[in-house]
Protein backbone atom coordinates (compact mmCIF):
# COMPACT_ATOMS: atom_id res chain seq x y z
CA MET A 1 65.87 -45.50 -1.56
CA GLN A 2 62.28 -45.42 -0.32
CA GLN A 3 59.96 -43.30 1.77
CA THR A 4 59.79 -44.35 5.41
CA ALA A 5 58.14 -43.11 8.58
CA PHE A 6 59.74 -39.84 9.66
CA GLU A 7 60.30 -38.76 13.25
CA THR A 8 61.71 -35.44 14.37
CA THR A 9 62.05 -33.33 17.48
CA THR A 10 59.55 -30.48 17.74
CA ARG A 11 59.02 -27.18 19.50
CA PRO A 12 55.84 -25.21 20.17
CA LEU A 13 54.82 -22.21 18.14
CA PRO A 14 56.03 -19.04 19.89
CA GLU A 15 53.85 -15.95 20.18
CA THR A 16 56.28 -14.09 17.90
CA LEU A 17 55.11 -16.25 14.98
CA ILE A 18 51.43 -15.48 15.51
CA VAL A 19 49.72 -12.58 13.72
CA GLU A 20 46.32 -11.53 15.06
CA THR A 21 43.60 -10.27 12.73
CA ARG A 22 41.04 -7.66 13.66
CA LEU A 23 38.50 -8.50 10.97
CA ASP A 24 34.84 -9.01 11.78
CA LEU A 25 32.08 -10.63 9.76
CA PRO A 26 31.08 -7.42 7.89
CA ASP A 27 34.73 -7.07 6.75
CA VAL A 28 34.69 -10.62 5.43
CA ALA A 29 31.41 -9.90 3.64
CA VAL A 30 33.01 -6.91 1.92
CA ALA A 31 35.93 -9.06 0.72
CA HIS A 32 33.50 -11.65 -0.63
CA THR A 33 31.47 -9.00 -2.45
CA LEU A 34 34.55 -7.44 -4.06
CA MET A 35 35.67 -10.82 -5.34
CA LYS A 36 32.25 -11.72 -6.72
CA ARG A 37 32.15 -8.54 -8.81
CA GLY A 38 34.14 -10.44 -11.39
CA SER A 39 37.79 -9.64 -10.73
CA ASP A 40 40.02 -10.97 -13.50
CA LEU A 41 42.79 -12.71 -11.59
CA ASN A 42 44.37 -13.91 -14.84
CA SER A 43 45.48 -10.38 -15.77
CA PRO A 44 47.93 -8.08 -13.97
CA ASP A 45 45.47 -5.18 -14.29
CA GLY A 46 42.68 -7.27 -12.76
CA ARG A 47 44.84 -8.33 -9.81
CA ALA A 48 46.03 -4.75 -9.26
CA ALA A 49 42.46 -3.45 -9.33
CA LEU A 50 41.33 -6.00 -6.74
CA ARG A 51 44.25 -5.11 -4.46
CA TRP A 52 43.43 -1.38 -4.73
CA HIS A 53 39.76 -1.92 -3.88
CA LEU A 54 40.66 -4.15 -0.94
CA GLN A 55 43.15 -1.65 0.47
CA GLU A 56 40.52 1.09 0.24
CA ALA A 57 37.62 -0.95 1.61
CA LEU A 58 39.49 -3.00 4.24
CA PRO A 59 42.36 -0.97 5.71
CA ARG A 60 42.52 -3.28 8.74
CA TRP A 61 43.15 -6.29 6.52
CA ALA A 62 45.71 -4.31 4.49
CA GLN A 63 47.58 -3.66 7.76
CA CYS A 64 47.35 -7.33 8.68
CA ALA A 65 48.69 -8.34 5.25
CA GLU A 66 51.66 -6.02 5.76
CA ALA A 67 52.32 -7.61 9.16
CA ILE A 68 52.24 -11.08 7.59
CA LEU A 69 54.74 -10.08 4.91
CA ARG A 70 57.06 -8.51 7.48
CA ARG A 71 56.98 -11.77 9.43
CA LEU A 72 57.61 -13.86 6.29
CA ALA A 73 60.62 -11.73 5.43
CA LYS A 74 62.40 -12.78 8.65
CA PRO A 75 63.60 -16.22 9.75
CA PRO A 76 62.01 -18.72 10.11
CA HIS A 77 59.91 -17.30 7.23
CA PHE A 78 56.45 -18.42 8.30
CA CYS A 79 53.65 -17.46 10.65
CA VAL A 80 50.17 -18.46 11.76
CA VAL A 81 47.39 -15.93 11.39
CA ARG A 82 44.35 -15.99 13.64
CA SER A 83 41.35 -15.60 13.95
CA PHE A 84 39.05 -15.19 10.97
CA PRO A 85 35.29 -15.10 11.63
CA TRP A 86 34.34 -18.07 9.48
CA VAL A 87 31.46 -19.22 11.69
CA ASP A 88 28.64 -17.57 9.76
CA LEU A 89 29.95 -18.06 6.22
CA SER A 90 28.28 -20.53 3.92
CA PRO A 91 30.55 -23.15 2.28
CA GLY A 92 30.13 -21.46 -1.10
CA GLN A 93 31.59 -18.21 0.21
CA TYR A 94 34.94 -19.55 1.41
CA HIS A 95 36.88 -19.73 -1.86
CA ALA A 96 35.95 -16.27 -3.14
CA THR A 97 36.52 -14.63 0.25
CA ILE A 98 39.90 -16.29 0.78
CA THR A 99 40.99 -15.46 -2.77
CA ALA A 100 40.20 -11.80 -2.20
CA LEU A 101 41.95 -11.58 1.16
CA VAL A 102 45.08 -13.44 0.08
CA SER A 103 45.53 -11.23 -3.00
CA LEU A 104 47.12 -8.56 -0.78
CA LEU A 105 50.06 -10.91 -0.16
CA GLY A 106 51.13 -11.17 -3.81
CA ASP A 107 50.09 -12.37 -7.25
CA ILE A 108 47.84 -15.40 -6.87
CA SER A 109 48.92 -18.42 -8.88
CA ASN A 110 46.24 -19.78 -11.18
CA ASP A 111 48.14 -23.06 -11.42
CA ASN A 112 47.43 -23.91 -7.81
CA ALA A 113 46.35 -27.46 -8.56
CA TYR A 114 48.56 -28.58 -11.45
CA GLY A 115 46.90 -27.87 -14.80
CA SER A 116 43.56 -26.89 -13.24
CA LYS A 117 43.80 -23.08 -13.55
CA THR A 118 42.36 -22.77 -10.05
CA VAL A 119 43.48 -20.06 -7.62
CA ALA A 120 42.17 -21.77 -4.47
CA ASP A 121 41.87 -25.51 -4.03
CA ASP A 122 40.53 -27.77 -1.32
CA VAL A 123 42.86 -29.87 0.80
CA ARG A 124 40.46 -32.46 2.15
CA PRO A 125 39.98 -36.25 2.11
CA ILE A 126 38.87 -37.84 -1.14
CA ASP A 127 38.56 -41.53 -0.32
CA PRO A 128 39.86 -43.08 2.90
CA LEU A 129 40.28 -46.44 1.16
CA SER A 130 42.43 -45.05 -1.65
CA SER A 131 46.08 -43.99 -1.73
CA ASP A 132 45.03 -40.33 -1.41
CA VAL A 133 47.98 -38.75 0.41
CA THR A 134 45.74 -35.95 1.65
CA TYR A 135 44.17 -38.49 3.97
CA SER A 136 45.84 -41.85 4.35
CA PHE A 137 49.41 -41.15 5.37
CA ASP A 138 51.72 -38.82 7.17
CA CYS A 139 52.52 -36.08 4.67
CA GLU A 140 56.19 -36.22 3.70
CA VAL A 141 58.50 -33.31 4.41
CA HIS A 142 58.44 -31.07 1.36
CA ALA A 143 58.36 -27.68 -0.31
CA ASP A 144 55.31 -27.24 -2.54
CA GLU A 145 55.40 -27.78 -6.31
CA SER A 146 59.05 -28.77 -6.39
CA SER A 147 58.72 -30.21 -9.89
CA LYS A 148 57.77 -26.83 -11.39
CA PRO A 149 60.60 -24.81 -12.93
CA LYS A 150 59.66 -21.89 -10.68
CA PRO A 151 57.61 -22.99 -7.65
CA GLU A 152 55.42 -20.32 -6.05
CA ASP A 153 56.98 -18.11 -3.37
CA ILE A 154 54.25 -18.16 -0.71
CA VAL A 155 51.91 -20.95 0.41
CA THR A 156 48.83 -20.23 2.52
CA LEU A 157 46.63 -22.89 4.13
CA TRP A 158 43.31 -21.62 5.50
CA CYS A 159 41.58 -23.85 8.03
CA VAL A 160 37.83 -24.09 7.49
CA ARG A 161 37.41 -27.19 9.66
CA GLN A 162 40.14 -28.85 11.71
CA ALA A 163 40.41 -32.60 12.27
CA ASN A 164 38.99 -33.84 15.55
CA ARG A 165 42.25 -35.74 16.06
CA GLY A 166 45.59 -35.68 14.20
CA GLY A 167 46.60 -33.55 11.24
CA THR A 168 49.23 -31.68 13.29
CA SER A 169 51.34 -29.29 11.19
CA PHE A 170 55.15 -29.15 11.19
CA VAL A 171 57.36 -26.43 9.67
CA TRP A 172 61.16 -26.35 9.40
CA SER A 173 63.42 -23.39 8.67
CA VAL A 174 65.70 -24.30 5.76
CA ALA A 175 68.45 -22.05 7.16
CA GLU A 176 68.38 -24.09 10.38
CA VAL A 177 68.35 -27.38 8.47
CA LEU A 178 71.44 -26.32 6.49
CA GLY A 179 73.15 -25.22 9.69
CA GLN A 180 72.47 -28.66 11.13
CA LEU A 181 73.76 -30.33 7.97
CA ARG A 182 77.04 -28.40 8.13
CA SER A 183 77.62 -29.64 11.68
CA MET A 184 77.31 -33.30 10.65
CA PRO A 185 80.22 -35.53 9.54
CA ASP A 186 80.88 -34.85 5.85
CA GLY A 187 78.02 -32.33 5.96
CA LEU A 188 79.83 -29.68 3.90
CA ASN A 189 80.44 -32.16 1.09
CA THR A 190 76.81 -33.27 1.27
CA GLU A 191 75.63 -29.68 1.00
CA GLN A 192 77.90 -29.12 -1.99
CA MET A 193 76.39 -32.16 -3.72
CA LEU A 194 72.88 -30.86 -3.01
CA ARG A 195 73.87 -27.51 -4.53
CA ASP A 196 75.86 -28.68 -7.55
CA HIS A 197 74.12 -31.84 -8.72
CA LEU A 198 70.99 -31.80 -10.88
CA PHE A 199 68.42 -34.11 -9.26
CA PRO A 200 65.33 -35.25 -11.17
CA PHE A 201 61.86 -34.09 -10.09
CA GLY A 202 58.38 -34.77 -11.39
CA GLY A 203 57.37 -37.68 -13.48
CA LYS A 204 54.09 -39.52 -13.21
CA LEU A 205 51.81 -36.78 -11.95
CA ARG A 206 52.70 -34.30 -14.71
CA ARG A 207 50.67 -34.36 -17.91
CA PRO A 208 52.39 -34.79 -20.23
CA VAL A 209 54.82 -36.84 -18.18
CA ARG A 210 57.91 -34.70 -17.72
CA VAL A 211 61.05 -34.59 -15.59
CA LEU A 212 62.73 -31.49 -14.26
CA LEU A 213 66.45 -31.39 -13.42
CA ALA A 214 67.51 -29.00 -10.66
CA PRO A 215 69.67 -28.69 -7.53
CA ILE A 216 67.94 -29.40 -4.23
CA VAL A 217 69.65 -26.51 -2.41
CA PHE A 218 70.28 -23.09 -3.95
CA GLY A 219 71.27 -19.57 -2.88
CA ARG A 220 71.51 -18.61 0.77
CA ALA A 221 68.84 -20.92 2.11
CA GLY A 222 66.70 -21.95 -0.82
CA ILE A 223 65.29 -25.42 -1.33
CA ARG A 224 63.45 -27.56 -3.83
CA PHE A 225 62.56 -30.88 -2.25
CA ARG A 226 59.95 -33.60 -2.22
CA LEU A 227 61.22 -37.14 -1.99
CA GLY A 228 58.12 -38.59 -3.67
CA ALA A 229 58.62 -36.32 -6.68
CA ILE A 230 62.29 -37.38 -6.91
CA LEU A 231 61.44 -41.09 -6.70
CA ASP A 232 58.73 -40.69 -9.35
CA ALA A 233 61.22 -38.98 -11.65
CA PHE A 234 63.78 -41.78 -11.23
CA ASP A 235 61.03 -44.28 -12.01
CA VAL A 236 60.07 -42.43 -15.20
CA LEU A 237 63.73 -42.32 -16.19
CA SER A 238 63.95 -46.09 -15.55
CA ARG A 239 66.95 -45.78 -13.30
CA SER A 240 67.82 -45.83 -9.62
CA PRO A 241 69.59 -43.07 -7.70
CA SER A 242 73.36 -43.33 -7.70
CA ILE A 243 75.18 -43.99 -4.44
CA GLU A 244 76.15 -40.29 -4.32
CA GLU A 245 72.59 -39.11 -4.96
CA GLU A 246 71.13 -41.44 -2.37
CA SER A 247 73.76 -40.45 0.19
CA ALA A 248 73.11 -36.71 -0.33
CA ILE A 249 69.35 -37.13 0.07
CA ALA A 250 69.84 -39.32 3.16
CA GLY A 251 72.10 -36.64 4.64
CA LEU A 252 69.49 -33.95 4.05
CA LEU A 253 66.76 -36.07 5.63
CA GLU A 254 68.96 -36.70 8.67
CA ALA A 255 69.62 -32.96 9.00
CA ILE A 256 65.86 -32.32 8.85
CA ARG A 257 65.27 -35.01 11.47
CA ARG A 258 67.81 -33.36 13.79
CA THR A 259 66.31 -29.88 13.35
CA PRO A 260 63.40 -29.13 15.70
CA ALA A 261 60.22 -28.47 13.73
CA TYR A 262 57.65 -25.92 14.80
CA GLU A 263 54.58 -27.95 15.76
CA PHE A 264 51.04 -26.58 15.83
CA ASN A 265 47.42 -27.50 15.12
CA LEU A 266 45.55 -25.19 12.79
CA GLU A 267 42.08 -24.45 14.11
CA ARG A 268 39.01 -23.06 12.35
CA GLY A 269 39.68 -19.49 11.27
CA GLU A 270 43.49 -19.81 11.34
CA VAL A 271 45.93 -19.59 8.44
CA SER A 272 49.41 -20.98 8.00
CA CYS A 273 51.58 -18.72 5.78
CA MET A 274 55.00 -19.93 4.58
CA MET A 275 57.75 -18.78 2.30
CA ASN A 276 57.67 -21.91 0.21
CA ARG A 277 61.31 -21.88 -0.88
CA MET A 278 62.77 -21.05 2.55
CA THR A 279 60.79 -23.56 4.64
CA LEU A 280 59.78 -27.21 4.57
CA HIS A 281 56.49 -28.50 5.93
CA SER A 282 54.50 -31.65 6.59
CA ARG A 283 51.63 -32.88 8.73
CA ALA A 284 50.69 -35.92 10.77
CA THR A 285 48.09 -38.42 9.65
CA PHE A 286 44.44 -37.98 10.62
CA SER A 287 41.21 -39.96 10.37
CA ASP A 288 38.54 -37.25 10.37
CA GLU A 289 36.88 -37.12 6.96
CA SER A 290 35.49 -33.63 7.62
CA ARG A 291 38.91 -31.93 7.86
CA TRP A 292 38.98 -29.07 5.33
CA LEU A 293 41.73 -26.62 4.42
CA ILE A 294 41.83 -24.26 1.43
CA ARG A 295 45.20 -23.61 -0.20
CA CYS A 296 46.33 -20.55 -2.15
CA ARG A 297 49.82 -20.10 -3.53
CA LEU A 298 51.30 -16.76 -4.54
CA ASN A 299 54.31 -15.14 -6.12
CA ASN A 300 55.89 -12.02 -4.65
CA ALA A 301 59.27 -11.02 -6.08
CA ALA A 302 59.94 -8.59 -3.21
CA TYR A 303 60.02 -11.46 -0.71
CA SER A 304 61.31 -14.22 -2.98
CA ASN A 305 64.61 -16.08 -3.30
CA THR A 306 63.65 -17.59 -6.67
CA CYS A 307 66.11 -15.29 -8.44
CA GLU A 308 68.88 -17.37 -6.80
CA ASP A 309 67.56 -20.55 -8.45
CA ARG A 310 68.97 -20.47 -11.98
CA ASP A 311 69.64 -24.06 -12.99
CA ALA A 312 66.25 -25.77 -13.26
CA ARG A 313 65.40 -27.15 -16.70
CA TRP A 314 63.07 -29.67 -18.28
CA ILE A 315 64.59 -32.65 -20.05
CA GLU A 316 63.06 -34.34 -23.06
CA LEU A 317 61.85 -37.87 -22.50
CA PRO A 318 62.05 -40.50 -25.24
């Protein structure tokens, strides 16, 4: 089993999945100021205090955040938010401003980049001659942080600077993917394997090197999936996937391929918001070294299906 080029049918982003903001530059300046006062995002009291101040100071953004959450609660569990007035911000203001604004969507994860304790990290090219997957390749279909025991509920990607060509985003509804799988020959048995079997995730990129065992599909329409993380885990375990494991993963990939993805290009001042465990996403390759997104991940139990995912566990490596 290996990663290969992935082609799928697509559909445009409908207006129903777009949330408009009504913020102006003074609003953004207020959010930046509140964040720079020294909010302690590592404590529940600090996060609650920041949310309260934001709701009081920026009622228009509080209303927008509520609209985003209402949209995330309904299939296909994602939306694109536009348009933030980034034009006059300095590069040093982006992270603090975004961190403040996104805090109204849930509890910000401070494990956004594994082990870094960061709440907002850059998604931008590192070295075009390296194997940096942020730049060099099509991004594989995945749900974020699938090798964590409890991946974050919400993923937000804020576009500071779009690529001049390429970098197109794709999002799939997991409920639609599972519906497609059930219509395929032997699809019900494949789904049962994806639900019952413990697949390995993780491996090389975790420090210390660890492997997580978990089902790929859980609950009503929950998913934990990144083929690269599964292949890394098999490599660490010094074994190959069984015929049954390989067949189940191939069936899932075929169901994804048959399910039309929502296709869109994030532009400056736009945000992609996804329920991480109810959607899959990827992007096309690009060659513009100036492309710059900022990612924040959050947890929000009121909108989460993580409670349906009960079987994930670390295994001890020799």
